[in-house]
Amino acid sequence: MNYHNSVTYHWASIEYGRDRYVQVVKTKKGEIEAEAAAWDWGRRNLAPAVVNSAIVRYLGRSEPRVQY
């Protein structure tokens, strides 16, 4: 595989609300950035009190994939 044209996705989730709803986000940048993207999603879409009780988890990364 030519790694110059490959991409690896990193996944994180944010669990929120009384019923523990889950939103999954992905990024190409890395583990810390995936977690930050989940927090950003929460701040943009949820009430502050809900974000304060939310849980963010890093879910892992994909195998490198060829980007065309």
PDB file of N, CA and C in Angstrom:
ATOM      1  N   MET A   1       0.851  -1.178   0.000  1.00  0.00           N
ATOM      2  CA  MET A   1       0.000   0.000   0.000  1.00  0.00           C
ATOM      3  C   MET A   1       0.894   1.236   0.000  1.00  0.00           C
ATOM      4  N   ASN A   2       0.523   2.204  -0.783  1.00  0.00           N
ATOM      5  CA  ASN A   2       1.236   3.464  -0.836  1.00  0.00           C
ATOM      6  C   ASN A   2       0.711   4.365   0.280  1.00  0.00           C
ATOM      7  N   TYR A   3       1.484   4.558   1.345  1.00  0.00           N
ATOM      8  CA  TYR A   3       1.005   5.300   2.509  1.00  0.00           C
ATOM      9  C   TYR A   3       0.963   6.803   2.272  1.00  0.00           C
ATOM     10  N   HIS A   4       1.541   7.283   1.160  1.00  0.00           N
ATOM     11  CA  HIS A   4       1.451   8.707   0.853  1.00  0.00           C
ATOM     12  C   HIS A   4       0.038   9.087   0.437  1.00  0.00           C
ATOM     13  N   ASN A   5      -0.725   8.148  -0.091  1.00  0.00           N
ATOM     14  CA  ASN A   5      -2.089   8.405  -0.532  1.00  0.00           C
ATOM     15  C   ASN A   5      -3.104   7.688   0.352  1.00  0.00           C
ATOM     16  N   SER A   6      -2.754   7.425   1.594  1.00  0.00           N
ATOM     17  CA  SER A   6      -3.674   6.699   2.473  1.00  0.00           C
ATOM     18  C   SER A   6      -4.199   7.620   3.570  1.00  0.00           C
ATOM     19  N   VAL A   7      -5.314   7.208   4.131  1.00  0.00           N
ATOM     20  CA  VAL A   7      -5.932   7.959   5.217  1.00  0.00           C
ATOM     21  C   VAL A   7      -6.371   6.966   6.291  1.00  0.00           C
ATOM     22  N   THR A   8      -6.247   7.378   7.545  1.00  0.00           N
ATOM     23  CA  THR A   8      -6.722   6.593   8.679  1.00  0.00           C
ATOM     24  C   THR A   8      -7.751   7.431   9.413  1.00  0.00           C
ATOM     25  N   TYR A   9      -8.918   6.855   9.651  1.00  0.00           N
ATOM     26  CA  TYR A   9      -9.966   7.560  10.381  1.00  0.00           C
ATOM     27  C   TYR A   9      -9.899   7.200  11.861  1.00  0.00           C
ATOM     28  N   HIS A  10     -10.144   8.187  12.704  1.00  0.00           N
ATOM     29  CA  HIS A  10     -10.200   8.005  14.152  1.00  0.00           C
ATOM     30  C   HIS A  10     -11.623   8.323  14.591  1.00  0.00           C
ATOM     31  N   TRP A  11     -12.182   7.461  15.442  1.00  0.00           N
ATOM     32  CA  TRP A  11     -13.579   7.554  15.847  1.00  0.00           C
ATOM     33  C   TRP A  11     -13.691   7.825  17.346  1.00  0.00           C
ATOM     34  N   ALA A  12     -14.660   8.669  17.720  1.00  0.00           N
ATOM     35  CA  ALA A  12     -14.960   8.924  19.124  1.00  0.00           C
ATOM     36  C   ALA A  12     -16.478   9.048  19.261  1.00  0.00           C
ATOM     37  N   SER A  13     -16.953   8.840  20.472  1.00  0.00           N
ATOM     38  CA  SER A  13     -18.390   8.988  20.726  1.00  0.00           C
ATOM     39  C   SER A  13     -18.602   9.905  21.912  1.00  0.00           C
ATOM     40  N   ILE A  14     -19.765  10.538  21.916  1.00  0.00           N
ATOM     41  CA  ILE A  14     -20.204  11.307  23.078  1.00  0.00           C
ATOM     42  C   ILE A  14     -21.545  10.714  23.507  1.00  0.00           C
ATOM     43  N   GLU A  15     -21.617  10.301  24.764  1.00  0.00           N
ATOM     44  CA  GLU A  15     -22.850   9.754  25.342  1.00  0.00           C
ATOM     45  C   GLU A  15     -23.464  10.842  26.206  1.00  0.00           C
ATOM     46  N   TYR A  16     -24.766  11.051  26.026  1.00  0.00           N
ATOM     47  CA  TYR A  16     -25.393  12.161  26.732  1.00  0.00           C
ATOM     48  C   TYR A  16     -26.857  11.860  27.019  1.00  0.00           C
ATOM     49  N   GLY A  17     -27.395  12.620  27.949  1.00  0.00           N
ATOM     50  CA  GLY A  17     -28.813  12.534  28.274  1.00  0.00           C
ATOM     51  C   GLY A  17     -29.134  11.401  29.230  1.00  0.00           C
ATOM     52  N   ARG A  18     -30.332  11.480  29.747  1.00  0.00           N
ATOM     53  CA  ARG A  18     -30.796  10.485  30.710  1.00  0.00           C
ATOM     54  C   ARG A  18     -30.852   9.093  30.085  1.00  0.00           C
ATOM     55  N   ASP A  19     -31.181   9.035  28.792  1.00  0.00           N
ATOM     56  CA  ASP A  19     -31.273   7.744  28.102  1.00  0.00           C
ATOM     57  C   ASP A  19     -29.956   7.327  27.460  1.00  0.00           C
ATOM     58  N   ARG A  20     -28.887   8.057  27.716  1.00  0.00           N
ATOM     59  CA  ARG A  20     -27.528   7.769  27.222  1.00  0.00           C
ATOM     60  C   ARG A  20     -27.496   7.662  25.690  1.00  0.00           C
ATOM     61  N   TYR A  21     -28.003   8.695  25.033  1.00  0.00           N
ATOM     62  CA  TYR A  21     -27.902   8.775  23.583  1.00  0.00           C
ATOM     63  C   TYR A  21     -26.439   8.819  23.176  1.00  0.00           C
ATOM     64  N   VAL A  22     -26.136   8.375  21.974  1.00  0.00           N
ATOM     65  CA  VAL A  22     -24.746   8.328  21.507  1.00  0.00           C
ATOM     66  C   VAL A  22     -24.644   9.013  20.150  1.00  0.00           C
ATOM     67  N   GLN A  23     -23.659   9.874  20.012  1.00  0.00           N
ATOM     68  CA  GLN A  23     -23.312  10.463  18.720  1.00  0.00           C
ATOM     69  C   GLN A  23     -21.862  10.080  18.428  1.00  0.00           C
ATOM     70  N   VAL A  24     -21.599   9.560  17.240  1.00  0.00           N
ATOM     71  CA  VAL A  24     -20.251   9.150  16.850  1.00  0.00           C
ATOM     72  C   VAL A  24     -19.708  10.153  15.841  1.00  0.00           C
ATOM     73  N   VAL A  25     -18.454  10.539  16.020  1.00  0.00           N
ATOM     74  CA  VAL A  25     -17.784  11.455  15.090  1.00  0.00           C
ATOM     75  C   VAL A  25     -16.509  10.794  14.586  1.00  0.00           C
ATOM     76  N   LYS A  26     -16.030  11.261  13.426  1.00  0.00           N
ATOM     77  CA  LYS A  26     -14.763  10.745  12.903  1.00  0.00           C
ATOM     78  C   LYS A  26     -13.912  11.901  12.413  1.00  0.00           C
ATOM     79  N   THR A  27     -12.613  11.690  12.439  1.00  0.00           N
ATOM     80  CA  THR A  27     -11.659  12.666  11.955  1.00  0.00           C
ATOM     81  C   THR A  27     -10.463  11.931  11.377  1.00  0.00           C
ATOM     82  N   LYS A  28      -9.674  12.626  10.617  1.00  0.00           N
ATOM     83  CA  LYS A  28      -8.453  12.050  10.050  1.00  0.00           C
ATOM     84  C   LYS A  28      -7.227  12.431  10.871  1.00  0.00           C
ATOM     85  N   LYS A  29      -7.389  13.195  11.949  1.00  0.00           N
ATOM     86  CA  LYS A  29      -6.254  13.824  12.621  1.00  0.00           C
ATOM     87  C   LYS A  29      -5.639  13.033  13.769  1.00  0.00           C
ATOM     88  N   GLY A  30      -6.378  12.197  14.472  1.00  0.00           N
ATOM     89  CA  GLY A  30      -5.800  11.441  15.571  1.00  0.00           C
ATOM     90  C   GLY A  30      -6.744  11.296  16.747  1.00  0.00           C
ATOM     91  N   GLU A  31      -6.269  10.589  17.781  1.00  0.00           N
ATOM     92  CA  GLU A  31      -7.096  10.271  18.939  1.00  0.00           C
ATOM     93  C   GLU A  31      -7.564  11.518  19.685  1.00  0.00           C
ATOM     94  N   ILE A  32      -6.658  12.413  19.992  1.00  0.00           N
ATOM     95  CA  ILE A  32      -7.017  13.614  20.752  1.00  0.00           C
ATOM     96  C   ILE A  32      -7.984  14.478  19.964  1.00  0.00           C
ATOM     97  N   GLU A  33      -7.742  14.602  18.672  1.00  0.00           N
ATOM     98  CA  GLU A  33      -8.623  15.402  17.826  1.00  0.00           C
ATOM     99  C   GLU A  33     -10.007  14.775  17.686  1.00  0.00           C
ATOM    100  N   ALA A  34     -10.085  13.437  17.672  1.00  0.00           N
ATOM    101  CA  ALA A  34     -11.383  12.764  17.607  1.00  0.00           C
ATOM    102  C   ALA A  34     -12.195  13.055  18.873  1.00  0.00           C
ATOM    103  N   GLU A  35     -11.542  12.989  20.019  1.00  0.00           N
ATOM    104  CA  GLU A  35     -12.236  13.310  21.269  1.00  0.00           C
ATOM    105  C   GLU A  35     -12.664  14.776  21.284  1.00  0.00           C
ATOM    106  N   ALA A  36     -11.801  15.659  20.804  1.00  0.00           N
ATOM    107  CA  ALA A  36     -12.139  17.083  20.740  1.00  0.00           C
ATOM    108  C   ALA A  36     -13.321  17.313  19.808  1.00  0.00           C
ATOM    109  N   ALA A  37     -13.385  16.582  18.709  1.00  0.00           N
ATOM    110  CA  ALA A  37     -14.503  16.714  17.776  1.00  0.00           C
ATOM    111  C   ALA A  37     -15.809  16.289  18.432  1.00  0.00           C
ATOM    112  N   ALA A  38     -15.768  15.259  19.267  1.00  0.00           N
ATOM    113  CA  ALA A  38     -16.973  14.827  19.981  1.00  0.00           C
ATOM    114  C   ALA A  38     -17.429  15.911  20.961  1.00  0.00           C
ATOM    115  N   TRP A  39     -16.491  16.502  21.700  1.00  0.00           N
ATOM    116  CA  TRP A  39     -16.853  17.596  22.614  1.00  0.00           C
ATOM    117  C   TRP A  39     -17.398  18.785  21.825  1.00  0.00           C
ATOM    118  N   ASP A  40     -16.776  19.106  20.689  1.00  0.00           N
ATOM    119  CA  ASP A  40     -17.258  20.217  19.859  1.00  0.00           C
ATOM    120  C   ASP A  40     -18.684  19.965  19.387  1.00  0.00           C
ATOM    121  N   TRP A  41     -18.957  18.723  18.954  1.00  0.00           N
ATOM    122  CA  TRP A  41     -20.311  18.381  18.525  1.00  0.00           C
ATOM    123  C   TRP A  41     -21.289  18.625  19.673  1.00  0.00           C
ATOM    124  N   GLY A  42     -20.910  18.186  20.876  1.00  0.00           N
ATOM    125  CA  GLY A  42     -21.772  18.375  22.037  1.00  0.00           C
ATOM    126  C   GLY A  42     -22.027  19.834  22.342  1.00  0.00           C
ATOM    127  N   ARG A  43     -20.986  20.654  22.297  1.00  0.00           N
ATOM    128  CA  ARG A  43     -21.156  22.083  22.589  1.00  0.00           C
ATOM    129  C   ARG A  43     -22.028  22.778  21.544  1.00  0.00           C
ATOM    130  N   ARG A  44     -21.962  22.323  20.292  1.00  0.00           N
ATOM    131  CA  ARG A  44     -22.772  22.930  19.225  1.00  0.00           C
ATOM    132  C   ARG A  44     -24.232  22.479  19.263  1.00  0.00           C
ATOM    133  N   ASN A  45     -24.497  21.280  19.741  1.00  0.00           N
ATOM    134  CA  ASN A  45     -25.827  20.682  19.583  1.00  0.00           C
ATOM    135  C   ASN A  45     -26.590  20.403  20.869  1.00  0.00           C
ATOM    136  N   LEU A  46     -25.945  20.527  22.016  1.00  0.00           N
ATOM    137  CA  LEU A  46     -26.596  20.170  23.275  1.00  0.00           C
ATOM    138  C   LEU A  46     -26.584  21.346  24.245  1.00  0.00           C
ATOM    139  N   ALA A  47     -27.474  21.302  25.208  1.00  0.00           N
ATOM    140  CA  ALA A  47     -27.504  22.312  26.264  1.00  0.00           C
ATOM    141  C   ALA A  47     -26.262  22.162  27.148  1.00  0.00           C
ATOM    142  N   PRO A  48     -25.769  23.263  27.702  1.00  0.00           N
ATOM    143  CA  PRO A  48     -24.571  23.194  28.548  1.00  0.00           C
ATOM    144  C   PRO A  48     -24.671  22.184  29.690  1.00  0.00           C
ATOM    145  N   ALA A  49     -25.813  22.084  30.325  1.00  0.00           N
ATOM    146  CA  ALA A  49     -25.968  21.123  31.425  1.00  0.00           C
ATOM    147  C   ALA A  49     -25.835  19.689  30.937  1.00  0.00           C
ATOM    148  N   VAL A  50     -26.299  19.421  29.729  1.00  0.00           N
ATOM    149  CA  VAL A  50     -26.187  18.080  29.158  1.00  0.00           C
ATOM    150  C   VAL A  50     -24.729  17.781  28.825  1.00  0.00           C
ATOM    151  N   VAL A  51     -24.029  18.749  28.258  1.00  0.00           N
ATOM    152  CA  VAL A  51     -22.610  18.561  27.923  1.00  0.00           C
ATOM    153  C   VAL A  51     -21.795  18.300  29.182  1.00  0.00           C
ATOM    154  N   ASN A  52     -22.128  18.996  30.270  1.00  0.00           N
ATOM    155  CA  ASN A  52     -21.379  18.822  31.519  1.00  0.00           C
ATOM    156  C   ASN A  52     -21.476  17.402  32.068  1.00  0.00           C
ATOM    157  N   SER A  53     -22.559  16.699  31.756  1.00  0.00           N
ATOM    158  CA  SER A  53     -22.711  15.331  32.257  1.00  0.00           C
ATOM    159  C   SER A  53     -22.408  14.284  31.176  1.00  0.00           C
ATOM    160  N   ALA A  54     -21.950  14.722  30.022  1.00  0.00           N
ATOM    161  CA  ALA A  54     -21.661  13.801  28.914  1.00  0.00           C
ATOM    162  C   ALA A  54     -20.356  13.048  29.139  1.00  0.00           C
ATOM    163  N   ILE A  55     -20.233  11.927  28.449  1.00  0.00           N
ATOM    164  CA  ILE A  55     -19.019  11.105  28.499  1.00  0.00           C
ATOM    165  C   ILE A  55     -18.505  10.950  27.078  1.00  0.00           C
ATOM    166  N   VAL A  56     -17.216  11.265  26.877  1.00  0.00           N
ATOM    167  CA  VAL A  56     -16.590  11.093  25.570  1.00  0.00           C
ATOM    168  C   VAL A  56     -15.640   9.909  25.643  1.00  0.00           C
ATOM    169  N   ARG A  57     -15.711   9.058  24.623  1.00  0.00           N
ATOM    170  CA  ARG A  57     -14.830   7.881  24.553  1.00  0.00           C
ATOM    171  C   ARG A  57     -14.182   7.804  23.185  1.00  0.00           C
ATOM    172  N   TYR A  58     -12.895   7.478  23.177  1.00  0.00           N
ATOM    173  CA  TYR A  58     -12.202   7.189  21.922  1.00  0.00           C
ATOM    174  C   TYR A  58     -12.530   5.754  21.544  1.00  0.00           C
ATOM    175  N   LEU A  59     -12.999   5.548  20.309  1.00  0.00           N
ATOM    176  CA  LEU A  59     -13.434   4.218  19.883  1.00  0.00           C
ATOM    177  C   LEU A  59     -12.378   3.454  19.106  1.00  0.00           C
ATOM    178  N   GLY A  60     -11.404   4.143  18.561  1.00  0.00           N
ATOM    179  CA  GLY A  60     -10.353   3.460  17.816  1.00  0.00           C
ATOM    180  C   GLY A  60     -10.128   4.087  16.454  1.00  0.00           C
ATOM    181  N   ARG A  61      -9.349   3.390  15.651  1.00  0.00           N
ATOM    182  CA  ARG A  61      -9.018   3.909  14.325  1.00  0.00           C
ATOM    183  C   ARG A  61      -9.210   2.823  13.276  1.00  0.00           C
ATOM    184  N   SER A  62      -9.353   3.269  12.059  1.00  0.00           N
ATOM    185  CA  SER A  62      -9.515   2.340  10.952  1.00  0.00           C
ATOM    186  C   SER A  62      -8.138   1.900  10.451  1.00  0.00           C
ATOM    187  N   GLU A  63      -8.141   0.878   9.644  1.00  0.00           N
ATOM    188  CA  GLU A  63      -6.926   0.515   8.922  1.00  0.00           C
ATOM    189  C   GLU A  63      -6.664   1.611   7.888  1.00  0.00           C
ATOM    190  N   PRO A  64      -5.401   1.836   7.527  1.00  0.00           N
ATOM    191  CA  PRO A  64      -5.131   2.820   6.474  1.00  0.00           C
ATOM    192  C   PRO A  64      -5.868   2.446   5.191  1.00  0.00           C
ATOM    193  N   ARG A  65      -6.490   3.453   4.588  1.00  0.00           N
ATOM    194  CA  ARG A  65      -7.232   3.242   3.335  1.00  0.00           C
ATOM    195  C   ARG A  65      -6.651   4.162   2.270  1.00  0.00           C
ATOM    196  N   VAL A  66      -6.644   3.692   1.052  1.00  0.00           N
ATOM    197  CA  VAL A  66      -6.129   4.497  -0.062  1.00  0.00           C
ATOM    198  C   VAL A  66      -7.117   5.611  -0.335  1.00  0.00           C
ATOM    199  N   GLN A  67      -6.591   6.839  -0.409  1.00  0.00           N
ATOM    200  CA  GLN A  67      -7.419   7.995  -0.714  1.00  0.00           C
ATOM    201  C   GLN A  67      -7.205   8.367  -2.173  1.00  0.00           C
ATOM    202  N   TYR A  68      -8.285   8.446  -2.932  1.00  0.00           N
ATOM    203  CA  TYR A  68      -8.196   8.751  -4.354  1.00  0.00           C
ATOM    204  C   TYR A  68      -8.449  10.196  -4.621  1.00  0.00           C
TER     205      TYR A  68
END
